[in-house]
Amino acid sequence: MGASKLFMFDQRINEVARIAKVLAHPARISILKYISEQDGCICNDLVDEIGLSQATISQHLTVIGNEGLLKGTFTGKKKSYCLNIERFEELQMLLNSFLNKTKSNCC
C-alpha cells in the first residue's frame, strides 16, 4: 500500500501497522533481543552475533530506530545502541489495547 493511502486510517491503526512492520522480520526481533540483553552495543557487535552484513544490520537498525525503539550514544565514530524502554512501554500498551479490543464475532 502506498503512503498516500495512509490518510484513510486513523493514527492508532497506522501506528499498530508500523509496529507490526518492525516486528515482522526475524532479524529485527533478533536485534531487539540481543540489544535488550546488553548494556549497549555497536553495529559490529550485531554483525558478529547475528551474522548479517553491516549494511543489512544498519538498515534494520534504521527501521527499528524510526519507531523510537532505540536510544544511541556516540563514542568517537561508533554509536552504541540500547533500548528506549519508555517507547517499548507505550507500544506494549498500544498493542495490548488493540489486541484486547479486536474480537471476532464470526465462526
PDB file of N, CA and C in Angstrom:
ATOM      1  N   MET A   1       0.846  -1.167   0.000  1.00  0.00           N
ATOM      2  CA  MET A   1       0.000   0.000   0.000  1.00  0.00           C
ATOM      3  C   MET A   1       0.891   1.229   0.000  1.00  0.00           C
ATOM      4  N   GLY A   2       0.584   2.157  -0.861  1.00  0.00           N
ATOM      5  CA  GLY A   2       1.353   3.384  -0.939  1.00  0.00           C
ATOM      6  C   GLY A   2       1.104   4.279   0.254  1.00  0.00           C
ATOM      7  N   ALA A   3       2.083   5.094   0.578  1.00  0.00           N
ATOM      8  CA  ALA A   3       1.969   6.000   1.718  1.00  0.00           C
ATOM      9  C   ALA A   3       0.810   6.967   1.544  1.00  0.00           C
ATOM     10  N   SER A   4       0.426   7.232   0.304  1.00  0.00           N
ATOM     11  CA  SER A   4      -0.658   8.180   0.069  1.00  0.00           C
ATOM     12  C   SER A   4      -1.999   7.663   0.577  1.00  0.00           C
ATOM     13  N   LYS A   5      -2.137   6.375   0.810  1.00  0.00           N
ATOM     14  CA  LYS A   5      -3.388   5.803   1.298  1.00  0.00           C
ATOM     15  C   LYS A   5      -3.478   5.766   2.822  1.00  0.00           C
ATOM     16  N   LEU A   6      -2.402   6.096   3.520  1.00  0.00           N
ATOM     17  CA  LEU A   6      -2.411   6.025   4.973  1.00  0.00           C
ATOM     18  C   LEU A   6      -3.421   6.968   5.597  1.00  0.00           C
ATOM     19  N   PHE A   7      -3.758   8.047   4.916  1.00  0.00           N
ATOM     20  CA  PHE A   7      -4.724   9.006   5.450  1.00  0.00           C
ATOM     21  C   PHE A   7      -6.098   8.380   5.668  1.00  0.00           C
ATOM     22  N   MET A   8      -6.354   7.260   5.010  1.00  0.00           N
ATOM     23  CA  MET A   8      -7.650   6.596   5.117  1.00  0.00           C
ATOM     24  C   MET A   8      -7.863   5.954   6.486  1.00  0.00           C
ATOM     25  N   PHE A   9      -6.787   5.779   7.249  1.00  0.00           N
ATOM     26  CA  PHE A   9      -6.859   5.054   8.509  1.00  0.00           C
ATOM     27  C   PHE A   9      -6.489   5.976   9.661  1.00  0.00           C
ATOM     28  N   ASP A  10      -7.068   5.690  10.833  1.00  0.00           N
ATOM     29  CA  ASP A  10      -6.764   6.571  11.958  1.00  0.00           C
ATOM     30  C   ASP A  10      -5.333   6.343  12.458  1.00  0.00           C
ATOM     31  N   GLN A  11      -4.883   7.278  13.264  1.00  0.00           N
ATOM     32  CA  GLN A  11      -3.492   7.290  13.730  1.00  0.00           C
ATOM     33  C   GLN A  11      -3.149   6.005  14.474  1.00  0.00           C
ATOM     34  N   ARG A  12      -4.049   5.495  15.291  1.00  0.00           N
ATOM     35  CA  ARG A  12      -3.798   4.282  16.065  1.00  0.00           C
ATOM     36  C   ARG A  12      -3.565   3.078  15.154  1.00  0.00           C
ATOM     37  N   ILE A  13      -4.384   2.937  14.128  1.00  0.00           N
ATOM     38  CA  ILE A  13      -4.237   1.828  13.182  1.00  0.00           C
ATOM     39  C   ILE A  13      -2.903   1.935  12.447  1.00  0.00           C
ATOM     40  N   ASN A  14      -2.548   3.128  12.008  1.00  0.00           N
ATOM     41  CA  ASN A  14      -1.264   3.317  11.320  1.00  0.00           C
ATOM     42  C   ASN A  14      -0.087   3.004  12.240  1.00  0.00           C
ATOM     43  N   GLU A  15      -0.210   3.374  13.517  1.00  0.00           N
ATOM     44  CA  GLU A  15       0.883   3.097  14.449  1.00  0.00           C
ATOM     45  C   GLU A  15       1.016   1.595  14.708  1.00  0.00           C
ATOM     46  N   VAL A  16      -0.095   0.896  14.862  1.00  0.00           N
ATOM     47  CA  VAL A  16      -0.052  -0.561  15.033  1.00  0.00           C
ATOM     48  C   VAL A  16       0.605  -1.197  13.810  1.00  0.00           C
ATOM     49  N   ALA A  17       0.278  -0.715  12.619  1.00  0.00           N
ATOM     50  CA  ALA A  17       0.868  -1.265  11.393  1.00  0.00           C
ATOM     51  C   ALA A  17       2.375  -1.022  11.339  1.00  0.00           C
ATOM     52  N   ARG A  18       2.819   0.155  11.782  1.00  0.00           N
ATOM     53  CA  ARG A  18       4.264   0.439  11.797  1.00  0.00           C
ATOM     54  C   ARG A  18       4.995  -0.470  12.785  1.00  0.00           C
ATOM     55  N   ILE A  19       4.383  -0.685  13.944  1.00  0.00           N
ATOM     56  CA  ILE A  19       4.983  -1.584  14.937  1.00  0.00           C
ATOM     57  C   ILE A  19       5.055  -2.991  14.368  1.00  0.00           C
ATOM     58  N   ALA A  20       3.973  -3.413  13.731  1.00  0.00           N
ATOM     59  CA  ALA A  20       3.937  -4.756  13.140  1.00  0.00           C
ATOM     60  C   ALA A  20       5.051  -4.906  12.107  1.00  0.00           C
ATOM     61  N   LYS A  21       5.327  -3.851  11.350  1.00  0.00           N
ATOM     62  CA  LYS A  21       6.410  -3.906  10.359  1.00  0.00           C
ATOM     63  C   LYS A  21       7.753  -4.128  11.046  1.00  0.00           C
ATOM     64  N   VAL A  22       7.980  -3.442  12.143  1.00  0.00           N
ATOM     65  CA  VAL A  22       9.235  -3.617  12.873  1.00  0.00           C
ATOM     66  C   VAL A  22       9.354  -5.051  13.370  1.00  0.00           C
ATOM     67  N   LEU A  23       8.259  -5.583  13.890  1.00  0.00           N
ATOM     68  CA  LEU A  23       8.287  -6.916  14.496  1.00  0.00           C
ATOM     69  C   LEU A  23       8.131  -8.046  13.479  1.00  0.00           C
ATOM     70  N   ALA A  24       7.909  -7.705  12.217  1.00  0.00           N
ATOM     71  CA  ALA A  24       7.609  -8.716  11.202  1.00  0.00           C
ATOM     72  C   ALA A  24       8.845  -9.399  10.623  1.00  0.00           C
ATOM     73  N   HIS A  25      10.019  -8.965  10.988  1.00  0.00           N
ATOM     74  CA  HIS A  25      11.226  -9.548  10.408  1.00  0.00           C
ATOM     75  C   HIS A  25      12.054 -10.223  11.501  1.00  0.00           C
ATOM     76  N   PRO A  26      12.426 -11.487  11.309  1.00  0.00           N
ATOM     77  CA  PRO A  26      13.184 -12.189  12.347  1.00  0.00           C
ATOM     78  C   PRO A  26      14.530 -11.537  12.681  1.00  0.00           C
ATOM     79  N   ALA A  27      15.152 -10.882  11.713  1.00  0.00           N
ATOM     80  CA  ALA A  27      16.420 -10.205  12.006  1.00  0.00           C
ATOM     81  C   ALA A  27      16.185  -9.060  12.980  1.00  0.00           C
ATOM     82  N   ARG A  28      15.100  -8.319  12.809  1.00  0.00           N
ATOM     83  CA  ARG A  28      14.824  -7.205  13.718  1.00  0.00           C
ATOM     84  C   ARG A  28      14.477  -7.709  15.116  1.00  0.00           C
ATOM     85  N   ILE A  29      13.765  -8.820  15.193  1.00  0.00           N
ATOM     86  CA  ILE A  29      13.470  -9.414  16.500  1.00  0.00           C
ATOM     87  C   ILE A  29      14.778  -9.847  17.165  1.00  0.00           C
ATOM     88  N   SER A  30      15.668 -10.463  16.403  1.00  0.00           N
ATOM     89  CA  SER A  30      16.970 -10.893  16.934  1.00  0.00           C
ATOM     90  C   SER A  30      17.790  -9.697  17.395  1.00  0.00           C
ATOM     91  N   ILE A  31      17.762  -8.624  16.629  1.00  0.00           N
ATOM     92  CA  ILE A  31      18.485  -7.401  17.007  1.00  0.00           C
ATOM     93  C   ILE A  31      17.930  -6.851  18.316  1.00  0.00           C
ATOM     94  N   LEU A  32      16.616  -6.731  18.413  1.00  0.00           N
ATOM     95  CA  LEU A  32      15.998  -6.216  19.639  1.00  0.00           C
ATOM     96  C   LEU A  32      16.317  -7.109  20.834  1.00  0.00           C
ATOM     97  N   LYS A  33      16.252  -8.410  20.639  1.00  0.00           N
ATOM     98  CA  LYS A  33      16.554  -9.351  21.729  1.00  0.00           C
ATOM     99  C   LYS A  33      18.005  -9.192  22.175  1.00  0.00           C
ATOM    100  N   TYR A  34      18.923  -9.132  21.223  1.00  0.00           N
ATOM    101  CA  TYR A  34      20.338  -9.007  21.576  1.00  0.00           C
ATOM    102  C   TYR A  34      20.605  -7.692  22.309  1.00  0.00           C
ATOM    103  N   ILE A  35      20.074  -6.598  21.793  1.00  0.00           N
ATOM    104  CA  ILE A  35      20.294  -5.302  22.435  1.00  0.00           C
ATOM    105  C   ILE A  35      19.710  -5.296  23.841  1.00  0.00           C
ATOM    106  N   SER A  36      18.555  -5.951  24.020  1.00  0.00           N
ATOM    107  CA  SER A  36      17.913  -5.970  25.340  1.00  0.00           C
ATOM    108  C   SER A  36      18.744  -6.719  26.375  1.00  0.00           C
ATOM    109  N   GLU A  37      19.619  -7.582  25.931  1.00  0.00           N
ATOM    110  CA  GLU A  37      20.448  -8.379  26.838  1.00  0.00           C
ATOM    111  C   GLU A  37      21.793  -7.725  27.135  1.00  0.00           C
ATOM    112  N   GLN A  38      22.053  -6.559  26.540  1.00  0.00           N
ATOM    113  CA  GLN A  38      23.331  -5.867  26.694  1.00  0.00           C
ATOM    114  C   GLN A  38      23.116  -4.527  27.393  1.00  0.00           C
ATOM    115  N   ASP A  39      24.208  -3.976  27.923  1.00  0.00           N
ATOM    116  CA  ASP A  39      24.159  -2.610  28.440  1.00  0.00           C
ATOM    117  C   ASP A  39      24.215  -1.605  27.300  1.00  0.00           C
ATOM    118  N   GLY A  40      24.650  -2.046  26.157  1.00  0.00           N
ATOM    119  CA  GLY A  40      24.774  -1.237  24.956  1.00  0.00           C
ATOM    120  C   GLY A  40      25.607  -2.021  23.970  1.00  0.00           C
ATOM    121  N   CYS A  41      25.400  -1.792  22.701  1.00  0.00           N
ATOM    122  CA  CYS A  41      26.203  -2.494  21.705  1.00  0.00           C
ATOM    123  C   CYS A  41      26.313  -1.625  20.459  1.00  0.00           C
ATOM    124  N   ILE A  42      27.320  -1.914  19.676  1.00  0.00           N
ATOM    125  CA  ILE A  42      27.521  -1.207  18.419  1.00  0.00           C
ATOM    126  C   ILE A  42      27.121  -2.128  17.272  1.00  0.00           C
ATOM    127  N   CYS A  43      27.013  -1.574  16.109  1.00  0.00           N
ATOM    128  CA  CYS A  43      26.575  -2.322  14.930  1.00  0.00           C
ATOM    129  C   CYS A  43      27.442  -3.559  14.694  1.00  0.00           C
ATOM    130  N   ASN A  44      28.753  -3.434  14.856  1.00  0.00           N
ATOM    131  CA  ASN A  44      29.641  -4.575  14.617  1.00  0.00           C
ATOM    132  C   ASN A  44      29.388  -5.722  15.591  1.00  0.00           C
ATOM    133  N   ASP A  45      28.941  -5.401  16.826  1.00  0.00           N
ATOM    134  CA  ASP A  45      28.551  -6.457  17.768  1.00  0.00           C
ATOM    135  C   ASP A  45      27.397  -7.261  17.178  1.00  0.00           C
ATOM    136  N   LEU A  46      26.450  -6.552  16.587  1.00  0.00           N
ATOM    137  CA  LEU A  46      25.284  -7.207  15.990  1.00  0.00           C
ATOM    138  C   LEU A  46      25.670  -8.021  14.767  1.00  0.00           C
ATOM    139  N   VAL A  47      26.604  -7.510  13.979  1.00  0.00           N
ATOM    140  CA  VAL A  47      27.092  -8.250  12.806  1.00  0.00           C
ATOM    141  C   VAL A  47      27.691  -9.578  13.264  1.00  0.00           C
ATOM    142  N   ASP A  48      28.519  -9.529  14.308  1.00  0.00           N
ATOM    143  CA  ASP A  48      29.151 -10.750  14.821  1.00  0.00           C
ATOM    144  C   ASP A  48      28.122 -11.708  15.406  1.00  0.00           C
ATOM    145  N   GLU A  49      27.168 -11.187  16.130  1.00  0.00           N
ATOM    146  CA  GLU A  49      26.181 -12.021  16.814  1.00  0.00           C
ATOM    147  C   GLU A  49      25.159 -12.624  15.859  1.00  0.00           C
ATOM    148  N   ILE A  50      24.637 -11.816  14.942  1.00  0.00           N
ATOM    149  CA  ILE A  50      23.517 -12.253  14.095  1.00  0.00           C
ATOM    150  C   ILE A  50      23.996 -12.840  12.775  1.00  0.00           C
ATOM    151  N   GLY A  51      25.137 -12.361  12.288  1.00  0.00           N
ATOM    152  CA  GLY A  51      25.710 -12.950  11.089  1.00  0.00           C
ATOM    153  C   GLY A  51      25.279 -12.302   9.786  1.00  0.00           C
ATOM    154  N   LEU A  52      24.606 -11.180   9.856  1.00  0.00           N
ATOM    155  CA  LEU A  52      24.254 -10.433   8.648  1.00  0.00           C
ATOM    156  C   LEU A  52      25.307  -9.371   8.397  1.00  0.00           C
ATOM    157  N   SER A  53      25.326  -8.843   7.181  1.00  0.00           N
ATOM    158  CA  SER A  53      26.319  -7.819   6.850  1.00  0.00           C
ATOM    159  C   SER A  53      26.049  -6.533   7.626  1.00  0.00           C
ATOM    160  N   GLN A  54      27.077  -5.714   7.715  1.00  0.00           N
ATOM    161  CA  GLN A  54      26.960  -4.429   8.416  1.00  0.00           C
ATOM    162  C   GLN A  54      25.892  -3.560   7.779  1.00  0.00           C
ATOM    163  N   ALA A  55      25.837  -3.543   6.457  1.00  0.00           N
ATOM    164  CA  ALA A  55      24.841  -2.716   5.750  1.00  0.00           C
ATOM    165  C   ALA A  55      23.424  -3.199   6.060  1.00  0.00           C
ATOM    166  N   THR A  56      23.235  -4.504   6.103  1.00  0.00           N
ATOM    167  CA  THR A  56      21.911  -5.056   6.397  1.00  0.00           C
ATOM    168  C   THR A  56      21.503  -4.747   7.833  1.00  0.00           C
ATOM    169  N   ILE A  57      22.427  -4.921   8.774  1.00  0.00           N
ATOM    170  CA  ILE A  57      22.147  -4.592  10.173  1.00  0.00           C
ATOM    171  C   ILE A  57      21.796  -3.112  10.293  1.00  0.00           C
ATOM    172  N   SER A  58      22.535  -2.259   9.612  1.00  0.00           N
ATOM    173  CA  SER A  58      22.264  -0.815   9.656  1.00  0.00           C
ATOM    174  C   SER A  58      20.866  -0.494   9.133  1.00  0.00           C
ATOM    175  N   GLN A  59      20.459  -1.157   8.068  1.00  0.00           N
ATOM    176  CA  GLN A  59      19.107  -0.936   7.534  1.00  0.00           C
ATOM    177  C   GLN A  59      18.050  -1.348   8.548  1.00  0.00           C
ATOM    178  N   HIS A  60      18.253  -2.483   9.195  1.00  0.00           N
ATOM    179  CA  HIS A  60      17.298  -2.928  10.212  1.00  0.00           C
ATOM    180  C   HIS A  60      17.285  -1.976  11.414  1.00  0.00           C
ATOM    181  N   LEU A  61      18.451  -1.494  11.816  1.00  0.00           N
ATOM    182  CA  LEU A  61      18.515  -0.536  12.920  1.00  0.00           C
ATOM    183  C   LEU A  61      17.763   0.743  12.577  1.00  0.00           C
ATOM    184  N   THR A  62      17.813   1.140  11.328  1.00  0.00           N
ATOM    185  CA  THR A  62      17.077   2.330  10.890  1.00  0.00           C
ATOM    186  C   THR A  62      15.578   2.115  11.028  1.00  0.00           C
ATOM    187  N   VAL A  63      15.082   0.966  10.587  1.00  0.00           N
ATOM    188  CA  VAL A  63      13.647   0.667  10.697  1.00  0.00           C
ATOM    189  C   VAL A  63      13.223   0.656  12.164  1.00  0.00           C
ATOM    190  N   ILE A  64      14.018   0.008  13.007  1.00  0.00           N
ATOM    191  CA  ILE A  64      13.711  -0.055  14.435  1.00  0.00           C
ATOM    192  C   ILE A  64      13.784   1.337  15.049  1.00  0.00           C
ATOM    193  N   GLY A  65      14.815   2.058  14.715  1.00  0.00           N
ATOM    194  CA  GLY A  65      15.010   3.399  15.266  1.00  0.00           C
ATOM    195  C   GLY A  65      13.951   4.384  14.838  1.00  0.00           C
ATOM    196  N   ASN A  66      13.434   4.240  13.628  1.00  0.00           N
ATOM    197  CA  ASN A  66      12.394   5.159  13.147  1.00  0.00           C
ATOM    198  C   ASN A  66      11.129   5.093  13.993  1.00  0.00           C
ATOM    199  N   GLU A  67      10.919   3.998  14.677  1.00  0.00           N
ATOM    200  CA  GLU A  67       9.764   3.876  15.576  1.00  0.00           C
ATOM    201  C   GLU A  67      10.114   4.261  17.011  1.00  0.00           C
ATOM    202  N   GLY A  68      11.320   4.758  17.200  1.00  0.00           N
ATOM    203  CA  GLY A  68      11.719   5.262  18.513  1.00  0.00           C
ATOM    204  C   GLY A  68      12.090   4.190  19.513  1.00  0.00           C
ATOM    205  N   LEU A  69      12.349   2.975  19.038  1.00  0.00           N
ATOM    206  CA  LEU A  69      12.631   1.873  19.952  1.00  0.00           C
ATOM    207  C   LEU A  69      14.078   1.825  20.434  1.00  0.00           C
ATOM    208  N   LEU A  70      14.932   2.650  19.847  1.00  0.00           N
ATOM    209  CA  LEU A  70      16.343   2.648  20.220  1.00  0.00           C
ATOM    210  C   LEU A  70      16.794   4.010  20.704  1.00  0.00           C
ATOM    211  N   LYS A  71      17.742   3.969  21.610  1.00  0.00           N
ATOM    212  CA  LYS A  71      18.491   5.155  22.009  1.00  0.00           C
ATOM    213  C   LYS A  71      19.930   4.878  21.617  1.00  0.00           C
ATOM    214  N   GLY A  72      20.678   5.909  21.358  1.00  0.00           N
ATOM    215  CA  GLY A  72      22.066   5.714  20.984  1.00  0.00           C
ATOM    216  C   GLY A  72      22.947   6.825  21.506  1.00  0.00           C
ATOM    217  N   THR A  73      24.177   6.458  21.811  1.00  0.00           N
ATOM    218  CA  THR A  73      25.174   7.436  22.215  1.00  0.00           C
ATOM    219  C   THR A  73      26.409   7.234  21.355  1.00  0.00           C
ATOM    220  N   PHE A  74      27.052   8.317  21.018  1.00  0.00           N
ATOM    221  CA  PHE A  74      28.255   8.250  20.192  1.00  0.00           C
ATOM    222  C   PHE A  74      29.495   8.213  21.069  1.00  0.00           C
ATOM    223  N   THR A  75      30.383   7.293  20.728  1.00  0.00           N
ATOM    224  CA  THR A  75      31.713   7.232  21.314  1.00  0.00           C
ATOM    225  C   THR A  75      32.677   7.259  20.134  1.00  0.00           C
ATOM    226  N   GLY A  76      33.271   8.413  19.908  1.00  0.00           N
ATOM    227  CA  GLY A  76      34.081   8.578  18.708  1.00  0.00           C
ATOM    228  C   GLY A  76      33.179   8.509  17.496  1.00  0.00           C
ATOM    229  N   LYS A  77      33.476   7.585  16.582  1.00  0.00           N
ATOM    230  CA  LYS A  77      32.658   7.421  15.380  1.00  0.00           C
ATOM    231  C   LYS A  77      31.626   6.306  15.527  1.00  0.00           C
ATOM    232  N   LYS A  78      31.634   5.625  16.663  1.00  0.00           N
ATOM    233  CA  LYS A  78      30.741   4.487  16.871  1.00  0.00           C
ATOM    234  C   LYS A  78      29.522   4.901  17.679  1.00  0.00           C
ATOM    235  N   LYS A  79      28.384   4.362  17.276  1.00  0.00           N
ATOM    236  CA  LYS A  79      27.140   4.617  18.000  1.00  0.00           C
ATOM    237  C   LYS A  79      26.789   3.364  18.786  1.00  0.00           C
ATOM    238  N   SER A  80      26.594   3.533  20.073  1.00  0.00           N
ATOM    239  CA  SER A  80      26.219   2.426  20.946  1.00  0.00           C
ATOM    240  C   SER A  80      24.705   2.472  21.142  1.00  0.00           C
ATOM    241  N   TYR A  81      24.048   1.347  20.874  1.00  0.00           N
ATOM    242  CA  TYR A  81      22.598   1.270  20.927  1.00  0.00           C
ATOM    243  C   TYR A  81      22.117   0.621  22.213  1.00  0.00           C
ATOM    244  N   CYS A  82      20.989   1.119  22.715  1.00  0.00           N
ATOM    245  CA  CYS A  82      20.268   0.471  23.802  1.00  0.00           C
ATOM    246  C   CYS A  82      18.774   0.699  23.534  1.00  0.00           C
ATOM    247  N   LEU A  83      17.948  -0.027  24.261  1.00  0.00           N
ATOM    248  CA  LEU A  83      16.505   0.079  24.044  1.00  0.00           C
ATOM    249  C   LEU A  83      15.940   1.327  24.700  1.00  0.00           C
ATOM    250  N   ASN A  84      14.948   1.913  24.054  1.00  0.00           N
ATOM    251  CA  ASN A  84      14.189   3.016  24.621  1.00  0.00           C
ATOM    252  C   ASN A  84      12.999   2.384  25.357  1.00  0.00           C
ATOM    253  N   ILE A  85      13.194   2.107  26.637  1.00  0.00           N
ATOM    254  CA  ILE A  85      12.198   1.378  27.430  1.00  0.00           C
ATOM    255  C   ILE A  85      10.873   2.125  27.487  1.00  0.00           C
ATOM    256  N   GLU A  86      10.908   3.446  27.581  1.00  0.00           N
ATOM    257  CA  GLU A  86       9.671   4.218  27.639  1.00  0.00           C
ATOM    258  C   GLU A  86       8.835   3.996  26.379  1.00  0.00           C
ATOM    259  N   ARG A  87       9.484   3.991  25.231  1.00  0.00           N
ATOM    260  CA  ARG A  87       8.769   3.771  23.966  1.00  0.00           C
ATOM    261  C   ARG A  87       8.249   2.334  23.886  1.00  0.00           C
ATOM    262  N   PHE A  88       9.037   1.382  24.375  1.00  0.00           N
ATOM    263  CA  PHE A  88       8.569  -0.001  24.406  1.00  0.00           C
ATOM    264  C   PHE A  88       7.291  -0.114  25.224  1.00  0.00           C
ATOM    265  N   GLU A  89       7.256   0.557  26.365  1.00  0.00           N
ATOM    266  CA  GLU A  89       6.064   0.502  27.222  1.00  0.00           C
ATOM    267  C   GLU A  89       4.856   1.124  26.528  1.00  0.00           C
ATOM    268  N   GLU A  90       5.061   2.240  25.827  1.00  0.00           N
ATOM    269  CA  GLU A  90       3.975   2.863  25.064  1.00  0.00           C
ATOM    270  C   GLU A  90       3.425   1.905  24.011  1.00  0.00           C
ATOM    271  N   LEU A  91       4.333   1.271  23.281  1.00  0.00           N
ATOM    272  CA  LEU A  91       3.914   0.363  22.216  1.00  0.00           C
ATOM    273  C   LEU A  91       3.264  -0.893  22.773  1.00  0.00           C
ATOM    274  N   GLN A  92       3.736  -1.354  23.908  1.00  0.00           N
ATOM    275  CA  GLN A  92       3.126  -2.514  24.555  1.00  0.00           C
ATOM    276  C   GLN A  92       1.679  -2.199  24.926  1.00  0.00           C
ATOM    277  N   MET A  93       1.449  -1.018  25.487  1.00  0.00           N
ATOM    278  CA  MET A  93       0.076  -0.617  25.837  1.00  0.00           C
ATOM    279  C   MET A  93      -0.781  -0.491  24.587  1.00  0.00           C
ATOM    280  N   LEU A  94      -0.237   0.094  23.518  1.00  0.00           N
ATOM    281  CA  LEU A  94      -0.980   0.252  22.276  1.00  0.00           C
ATOM    282  C   LEU A  94      -1.359  -1.113  21.696  1.00  0.00           C
ATOM    283  N   LEU A  95      -0.393  -2.020  21.627  1.00  0.00           N
ATOM    284  CA  LEU A  95      -0.668  -3.354  21.080  1.00  0.00           C
ATOM    285  C   LEU A  95      -1.645  -4.125  21.952  1.00  0.00           C
ATOM    286  N   ASN A  96      -1.470  -4.061  23.271  1.00  0.00           N
ATOM    287  CA  ASN A  96      -2.402  -4.741  24.167  1.00  0.00           C
ATOM    288  C   ASN A  96      -3.814  -4.216  23.987  1.00  0.00           C
ATOM    289  N   SER A  97      -3.944  -2.909  23.890  1.00  0.00           N
ATOM    290  CA  SER A  97      -5.257  -2.302  23.684  1.00  0.00           C
ATOM    291  C   SER A  97      -5.870  -2.765  22.369  1.00  0.00           C
ATOM    292  N   PHE A  98      -5.072  -2.736  21.310  1.00  0.00           N
ATOM    293  CA  PHE A  98      -5.563  -3.165  20.006  1.00  0.00           C
ATOM    294  C   PHE A  98      -5.993  -4.627  20.035  1.00  0.00           C
ATOM    295  N   LEU A  99      -5.141  -5.487  20.561  1.00  0.00           N
ATOM    296  CA  LEU A  99      -5.442  -6.924  20.571  1.00  0.00           C
ATOM    297  C   LEU A  99      -6.617  -7.252  21.488  1.00  0.00           C
ATOM    298  N   ASN A 100      -6.729  -6.564  22.605  1.00  0.00           N
ATOM    299  CA  ASN A 100      -7.828  -6.830  23.532  1.00  0.00           C
ATOM    300  C   ASN A 100      -9.170  -6.337  22.999  1.00  0.00           C
ATOM    301  N   LYS A 101      -9.139  -5.258  22.217  1.00  0.00           N
ATOM    302  CA  LYS A 101     -10.385  -4.698  21.684  1.00  0.00           C
ATOM    303  C   LYS A 101     -10.805  -5.313  20.357  1.00  0.00           C
ATOM    304  N   THR A 102      -9.892  -6.047  19.747  1.00  0.00           N
ATOM    305  CA  THR A 102     -10.190  -6.654  18.460  1.00  0.00           C
ATOM    306  C   THR A 102     -10.682  -8.075  18.711  1.00  0.00           C
ATOM    307  N   LYS A 103     -11.996  -8.222  18.678  1.00  0.00           N
ATOM    308  CA  LYS A 103     -12.634  -9.514  18.948  1.00  0.00           C
ATOM    309  C   LYS A 103     -13.359  -9.980  17.698  1.00  0.00           C
ATOM    310  N   SER A 104     -13.404 -11.255  17.548  1.00  0.00           N
ATOM    311  CA  SER A 104     -14.079 -11.832  16.381  1.00  0.00           C
ATOM    312  C   SER A 104     -15.528 -12.155  16.738  1.00  0.00           C
ATOM    313  N   ASN A 105     -16.427 -11.766  15.870  1.00  0.00           N
ATOM    314  CA  ASN A 105     -17.847 -12.074  16.050  1.00  0.00           C
ATOM    315  C   ASN A 105     -18.311 -13.129  15.051  1.00  0.00           C
ATOM    316  N   CYS A 106     -17.393 -13.759  14.382  1.00  0.00           N
ATOM    317  CA  CYS A 106     -17.791 -14.753  13.389  1.00  0.00           C
ATOM    318  C   CYS A 106     -17.285 -16.131  13.779  1.00  0.00           C
ATOM    319  N   CYS A 107     -17.787 -17.122  13.108  1.00  0.00           N
ATOM    320  CA  CYS A 107     -17.387 -18.524  13.296  1.00  0.00           C
ATOM    321  C   CYS A 107     -17.497 -18.928  14.733  1.00  0.00           C
TER     322      CYS A 107
END
